[in-house]
């Protein structure tokens, strides 16, 4: 089956499932040819070249009115509840002060709910295809953010922080603006 673009979600509404032949048959649906396999496993439903559509604002515009926040360039670990959307992950990046990237921030934990994040994010116009799953820079929500928790300290330990923030799938080899997120 030849692959073709497939919109999974449009305007916040689920439009399609990721279906291989077996899963489509089990659900009484038509396969859309979305499968992958490992070296020792049968094919299974899997996305390929999954990406958010880019928005219409620049990353700098997303960050411009942020008095104090975080620009996340890397997320570590994976503690995501696939049923509820709750997650908690380690992260690192940079502080944002008065709309500008400032000092490094590392070893902090980000926790929240994916459904709440997806419902309130703003996408920038800088989508670059580097991996199998890609996204432009995104902003979690207007300040003050609710439902997203951060814990940790800035690199210079001047004060602990617990502000809300945004995240982006980023290239760990290029952890610089705009390959990150702002809040």
C-alpha atoms as a PDB file:
ATOM      1  CA  UNK A   1       0.000   0.000   0.000  1.00  0.00           C
ATOM      2  CA  UNK A   2       1.428   3.369  -0.970  1.00  0.00           C
ATOM      3  CA  UNK A   3       1.620   5.884   1.865  1.00  0.00           C
ATOM      4  CA  UNK A   4      -0.028   9.277   1.566  1.00  0.00           C
ATOM      5  CA  UNK A   5      -0.463  12.180   4.008  1.00  0.00           C
ATOM      6  CA  UNK A   6      -2.836  11.409   6.845  1.00  0.00           C
ATOM      7  CA  UNK A   7      -4.280  14.013   9.205  1.00  0.00           C
ATOM      8  CA  UNK A   8      -4.633  12.417  12.628  1.00  0.00           C
ATOM      9  CA  UNK A   9      -6.136  15.465  14.368  1.00  0.00           C
ATOM     10  CA  UNK A  10      -7.674  18.590  12.850  1.00  0.00           C
ATOM     11  CA  UNK A  11      -9.003  21.491  14.920  1.00  0.00           C
ATOM     12  CA  UNK A  12      -8.709  19.371  18.054  1.00  0.00           C
ATOM     13  CA  UNK A  13     -10.825  16.513  16.687  1.00  0.00           C
ATOM     14  CA  UNK A  14      -9.501  13.002  16.018  1.00  0.00           C
ATOM     15  CA  UNK A  15      -9.797  12.329  12.273  1.00  0.00           C
ATOM     16  CA  UNK A  16      -8.086   8.985  11.802  1.00  0.00           C
ATOM     17  CA  UNK A  17      -6.297   6.101  13.506  1.00  0.00           C
ATOM     18  CA  UNK A  18      -2.850   4.712  12.738  1.00  0.00           C
ATOM     19  CA  UNK A  19      -3.826   1.358  11.220  1.00  0.00           C
ATOM     20  CA  UNK A  20      -1.925  -1.514   9.685  1.00  0.00           C
ATOM     21  CA  UNK A  21      -3.763  -4.333   7.904  1.00  0.00           C
ATOM     22  CA  UNK A  22      -4.194  -6.496  11.004  1.00  0.00           C
ATOM     23  CA  UNK A  23      -5.426  -3.701  13.322  1.00  0.00           C
ATOM     24  CA  UNK A  24      -7.788  -2.366  10.657  1.00  0.00           C
ATOM     25  CA  UNK A  25      -9.277  -5.828  10.155  1.00  0.00           C
ATOM     26  CA  UNK A  26      -9.738  -6.261  13.933  1.00  0.00           C
ATOM     27  CA  UNK A  27     -11.542  -2.918  14.180  1.00  0.00           C
ATOM     28  CA  UNK A  28     -13.609  -3.363  11.024  1.00  0.00           C
ATOM     29  CA  UNK A  29     -11.890  -0.371   9.391  1.00  0.00           C
ATOM     30  CA  UNK A  30      -9.777   0.177   6.284  1.00  0.00           C
ATOM     31  CA  UNK A  31      -5.996   0.033   6.608  1.00  0.00           C
ATOM     32  CA  UNK A  32      -4.101   3.252   5.905  1.00  0.00           C
ATOM     33  CA  UNK A  33      -0.775   1.429   5.607  1.00  0.00           C
ATOM     34  CA  UNK A  34       0.792   2.701   8.817  1.00  0.00           C
ATOM     35  CA  UNK A  35       3.050  -0.097  10.059  1.00  0.00           C
ATOM     36  CA  UNK A  36       6.655  -0.701  11.008  1.00  0.00           C
ATOM     37  CA  UNK A  37       8.573  -3.707  12.235  1.00  0.00           C
ATOM     38  CA  UNK A  38      11.654  -4.443  14.244  1.00  0.00           C
ATOM     39  CA  UNK A  39      14.281  -6.999  13.300  1.00  0.00           C
ATOM     40  CA  UNK A  40      12.588  -9.739  15.336  1.00  0.00           C
ATOM     41  CA  UNK A  41       8.947  -8.715  15.460  1.00  0.00           C
ATOM     42  CA  UNK A  42       5.976  -8.697  13.122  1.00  0.00           C
ATOM     43  CA  UNK A  43       4.678  -5.417  11.686  1.00  0.00           C
ATOM     44  CA  UNK A  44       2.572  -3.303  14.059  1.00  0.00           C
ATOM     45  CA  UNK A  45       0.736   0.053  13.808  1.00  0.00           C
ATOM     46  CA  UNK A  46       3.315   2.834  13.864  1.00  0.00           C
ATOM     47  CA  UNK A  47       3.614   6.444  12.689  1.00  0.00           C
ATOM     48  CA  UNK A  48       6.268   7.504  10.208  1.00  0.00           C
ATOM     49  CA  UNK A  49       7.225  11.102   9.519  1.00  0.00           C
ATOM     50  CA  UNK A  50       4.835  12.396  12.193  1.00  0.00           C
ATOM     51  CA  UNK A  51       4.776  16.188  12.477  1.00  0.00           C
ATOM     52  CA  UNK A  52       2.721  19.115  13.704  1.00  0.00           C
ATOM     53  CA  UNK A  53       1.843  21.607  10.979  1.00  0.00           C
ATOM     54  CA  UNK A  54       3.789  24.861  11.462  1.00  0.00           C
ATOM     55  CA  UNK A  55       2.050  27.939  12.805  1.00  0.00           C
ATOM     56  CA  UNK A  56       2.243  31.501  11.530  1.00  0.00           C
ATOM     57  CA  UNK A  57       4.376  33.280  14.155  1.00  0.00           C
ATOM     58  CA  UNK A  58       8.141  33.313  14.568  1.00  0.00           C
ATOM     59  CA  UNK A  59       9.861  31.717  17.578  1.00  0.00           C
ATOM     60  CA  UNK A  60      11.086  35.187  18.592  1.00  0.00           C
ATOM     61  CA  UNK A  61       7.493  36.456  18.609  1.00  0.00           C
ATOM     62  CA  UNK A  62       6.422  33.566  20.879  1.00  0.00           C
ATOM     63  CA  UNK A  63       9.156  34.522  23.327  1.00  0.00           C
ATOM     64  CA  UNK A  64       8.983  38.329  23.074  1.00  0.00           C
ATOM     65  CA  UNK A  65       6.540  39.032  25.921  1.00  0.00           C
ATOM     66  CA  UNK A  66       7.875  36.437  28.368  1.00  0.00           C
ATOM     67  CA  UNK A  67       9.196  38.226  31.440  1.00  0.00           C
ATOM     68  CA  UNK A  68      10.641  35.098  33.061  1.00  0.00           C
ATOM     69  CA  UNK A  69      10.367  31.540  31.768  1.00  0.00           C
ATOM     70  CA  UNK A  70      12.129  28.549  30.279  1.00  0.00           C
ATOM     71  CA  UNK A  71      13.335  27.634  26.817  1.00  0.00           C
ATOM     72  CA  UNK A  72      13.507  23.830  26.818  1.00  0.00           C
ATOM     73  CA  UNK A  73      16.036  22.225  24.493  1.00  0.00           C
ATOM     74  CA  UNK A  74      16.168  18.662  25.801  1.00  0.00           C
ATOM     75  CA  UNK A  75      13.879  16.244  27.592  1.00  0.00           C
ATOM     76  CA  UNK A  76      15.136  13.050  29.222  1.00  0.00           C
ATOM     77  CA  UNK A  77      13.504   9.834  30.349  1.00  0.00           C
ATOM     78  CA  UNK A  78      10.000   8.762  29.614  1.00  0.00           C
ATOM     79  CA  UNK A  79       7.318   8.552  32.231  1.00  0.00           C
ATOM     80  CA  UNK A  80       4.074   8.974  30.311  1.00  0.00           C
ATOM     81  CA  UNK A  81       0.756   7.380  31.178  1.00  0.00           C
ATOM     82  CA  UNK A  82      -0.753   6.540  27.788  1.00  0.00           C
ATOM     83  CA  UNK A  83      -4.263   6.315  29.225  1.00  0.00           C
ATOM     84  CA  UNK A  84      -4.473   9.599  31.150  1.00  0.00           C
ATOM     85  CA  UNK A  85      -1.800  11.696  29.392  1.00  0.00           C
ATOM     86  CA  UNK A  86      -0.027  12.451  32.694  1.00  0.00           C
ATOM     87  CA  UNK A  87       3.744  12.640  32.435  1.00  0.00           C
ATOM     88  CA  UNK A  88       6.881  13.615  34.286  1.00  0.00           C
ATOM     89  CA  UNK A  89      10.237  14.046  32.520  1.00  0.00           C
ATOM     90  CA  UNK A  90      13.651  15.497  33.213  1.00  0.00           C
ATOM     91  CA  UNK A  91      14.604  18.510  31.118  1.00  0.00           C
ATOM     92  CA  UNK A  92      17.260  21.143  30.472  1.00  0.00           C
ATOM     93  CA  UNK A  93      17.456  24.372  28.511  1.00  0.00           C
ATOM     94  CA  UNK A  94      17.832  28.089  29.173  1.00  0.00           C
ATOM     95  CA  UNK A  95      16.124  30.735  31.239  1.00  0.00           C
ATOM     96  CA  UNK A  96      14.231  33.435  29.368  1.00  0.00           C
ATOM     97  CA  UNK A  97      14.438  36.879  30.904  1.00  0.00           C
ATOM     98  CA  UNK A  98      12.596  39.838  29.367  1.00  0.00           C
ATOM     99  CA  UNK A  99      12.059  37.953  26.093  1.00  0.00           C
ATOM    100  CA  UNK A 100      15.728  36.969  25.679  1.00  0.00           C
ATOM    101  CA  UNK A 101      17.615  33.711  26.155  1.00  0.00           C
ATOM    102  CA  UNK A 102      19.688  33.963  29.367  1.00  0.00           C
ATOM    103  CA  UNK A 103      21.674  31.490  31.475  1.00  0.00           C
ATOM    104  CA  UNK A 104      21.485  27.706  31.256  1.00  0.00           C
ATOM    105  CA  UNK A 105      18.917  25.813  33.325  1.00  0.00           C
ATOM    106  CA  UNK A 106      19.465  22.112  33.888  1.00  0.00           C
ATOM    107  CA  UNK A 107      18.361  19.163  35.954  1.00  0.00           C
ATOM    108  CA  UNK A 108      14.738  20.144  36.399  1.00  0.00           C
ATOM    109  CA  UNK A 109      11.576  18.093  36.163  1.00  0.00           C
ATOM    110  CA  UNK A 110       8.580  18.958  34.016  1.00  0.00           C
ATOM    111  CA  UNK A 111       5.207  17.373  34.840  1.00  0.00           C
ATOM    112  CA  UNK A 112       1.763  17.873  33.387  1.00  0.00           C
ATOM    113  CA  UNK A 113      -0.892  16.392  31.155  1.00  0.00           C
ATOM    114  CA  UNK A 114      -0.512  16.024  27.384  1.00  0.00           C
ATOM    115  CA  UNK A 115      -4.209  16.632  26.718  1.00  0.00           C
ATOM    116  CA  UNK A 116      -4.015  20.028  28.461  1.00  0.00           C
ATOM    117  CA  UNK A 117      -0.814  20.954  26.630  1.00  0.00           C
ATOM    118  CA  UNK A 118      -2.145  20.000  23.201  1.00  0.00           C
ATOM    119  CA  UNK A 119      -5.349  21.964  23.875  1.00  0.00           C
ATOM    120  CA  UNK A 120      -3.503  25.205  24.639  1.00  0.00           C
ATOM    121  CA  UNK A 121      -0.322  25.359  22.577  1.00  0.00           C
ATOM    122  CA  UNK A 122       0.713  27.879  19.935  1.00  0.00           C
ATOM    123  CA  UNK A 123       2.986  26.678  17.118  1.00  0.00           C
ATOM    124  CA  UNK A 124       5.752  28.746  15.510  1.00  0.00           C
ATOM    125  CA  UNK A 125       6.635  28.776  11.811  1.00  0.00           C
ATOM    126  CA  UNK A 126      10.038  27.014  12.100  1.00  0.00           C
ATOM    127  CA  UNK A 127       9.239  23.331  11.443  1.00  0.00           C
ATOM    128  CA  UNK A 128      12.333  21.409  10.303  1.00  0.00           C
ATOM    129  CA  UNK A 129      12.278  17.724   9.394  1.00  0.00           C
ATOM    130  CA  UNK A 130      15.153  16.037  11.241  1.00  0.00           C
ATOM    131  CA  UNK A 131      13.687  12.899  12.800  1.00  0.00           C
ATOM    132  CA  UNK A 132      10.685  10.622  12.391  1.00  0.00           C
ATOM    133  CA  UNK A 133       8.644  12.879  14.734  1.00  0.00           C
ATOM    134  CA  UNK A 134       9.046  16.644  14.386  1.00  0.00           C
ATOM    135  CA  UNK A 135       7.453  19.836  15.652  1.00  0.00           C
ATOM    136  CA  UNK A 136       8.101  23.541  15.330  1.00  0.00           C
ATOM    137  CA  UNK A 137       8.916  25.613  18.399  1.00  0.00           C
ATOM    138  CA  UNK A 138       5.791  25.789  20.492  1.00  0.00           C
ATOM    139  CA  UNK A 139       4.442  27.816  23.340  1.00  0.00           C
ATOM    140  CA  UNK A 140       2.467  25.982  26.004  1.00  0.00           C
ATOM    141  CA  UNK A 141       0.009  28.702  26.897  1.00  0.00           C
ATOM    142  CA  UNK A 142      -0.333  32.354  27.749  1.00  0.00           C
ATOM    143  CA  UNK A 143       0.949  33.336  31.177  1.00  0.00           C
ATOM    144  CA  UNK A 144       0.125  32.275  33.781  1.00  0.00           C
ATOM    145  CA  UNK A 145       0.198  28.628  32.764  1.00  0.00           C
ATOM    146  CA  UNK A 146      -1.923  26.175  34.664  1.00  0.00           C
ATOM    147  CA  UNK A 147      -1.572  22.427  34.842  1.00  0.00           C
ATOM    148  CA  UNK A 148       2.171  22.309  34.140  1.00  0.00           C
ATOM    149  CA  UNK A 149       4.664  22.011  36.975  1.00  0.00           C
ATOM    150  CA  UNK A 150       8.407  22.573  37.029  1.00  0.00           C
ATOM    151  CA  UNK A 151      10.782  21.879  39.847  1.00  0.00           C
ATOM    152  CA  UNK A 152      14.517  22.572  40.082  1.00  0.00           C
ATOM    153  CA  UNK A 153      16.959  25.420  40.386  1.00  0.00           C
ATOM    154  CA  UNK A 154      18.782  27.676  37.948  1.00  0.00           C
ATOM    155  CA  UNK A 155      22.421  26.837  37.250  1.00  0.00           C
ATOM    156  CA  UNK A 156      23.656  29.652  39.508  1.00  0.00           C
ATOM    157  CA  UNK A 157      21.243  28.600  42.250  1.00  0.00           C
ATOM    158  CA  UNK A 158      20.027  32.157  42.761  1.00  0.00           C
ATOM    159  CA  UNK A 159      16.498  30.939  43.360  1.00  0.00           C
ATOM    160  CA  UNK A 160      14.327  27.918  42.915  1.00  0.00           C
ATOM    161  CA  UNK A 161      11.713  28.112  40.210  1.00  0.00           C
ATOM    162  CA  UNK A 162       8.311  26.641  39.672  1.00  0.00           C
ATOM    163  CA  UNK A 163       6.887  28.311  36.600  1.00  0.00           C
ATOM    164  CA  UNK A 164       4.973  26.853  33.768  1.00  0.00           C
ATOM    165  CA  UNK A 165       6.621  26.372  30.426  1.00  0.00           C
ATOM    166  CA  UNK A 166       6.492  24.897  26.944  1.00  0.00           C
ATOM    167  CA  UNK A 167       8.364  22.110  25.259  1.00  0.00           C
ATOM    168  CA  UNK A 168       9.516  21.101  21.838  1.00  0.00           C
ATOM    169  CA  UNK A 169      10.929  17.986  20.281  1.00  0.00           C
ATOM    170  CA  UNK A 170      14.490  19.170  19.748  1.00  0.00           C
ATOM    171  CA  UNK A 171      17.713  17.986  18.195  1.00  0.00           C
ATOM    172  CA  UNK A 172      20.039  17.264  21.147  1.00  0.00           C
ATOM    173  CA  UNK A 173      23.024  17.934  18.905  1.00  0.00           C
ATOM    174  CA  UNK A 174      21.863  21.505  18.288  1.00  0.00           C
ATOM    175  CA  UNK A 175      20.493  22.790  21.578  1.00  0.00           C
ATOM    176  CA  UNK A 176      20.298  26.466  20.625  1.00  0.00           C
ATOM    177  CA  UNK A 177      17.577  28.869  19.593  1.00  0.00           C
ATOM    178  CA  UNK A 178      15.242  28.170  17.829  1.00  0.00           C
ATOM    179  CA  UNK A 179      15.641  24.429  18.497  1.00  0.00           C
ATOM    180  CA  UNK A 180      13.751  24.600  21.767  1.00  0.00           C
ATOM    181  CA  UNK A 181      10.705  25.976  23.447  1.00  0.00           C
ATOM    182  CA  UNK A 182       9.732  29.051  25.329  1.00  0.00           C
ATOM    183  CA  UNK A 183       7.540  29.904  28.263  1.00  0.00           C
END
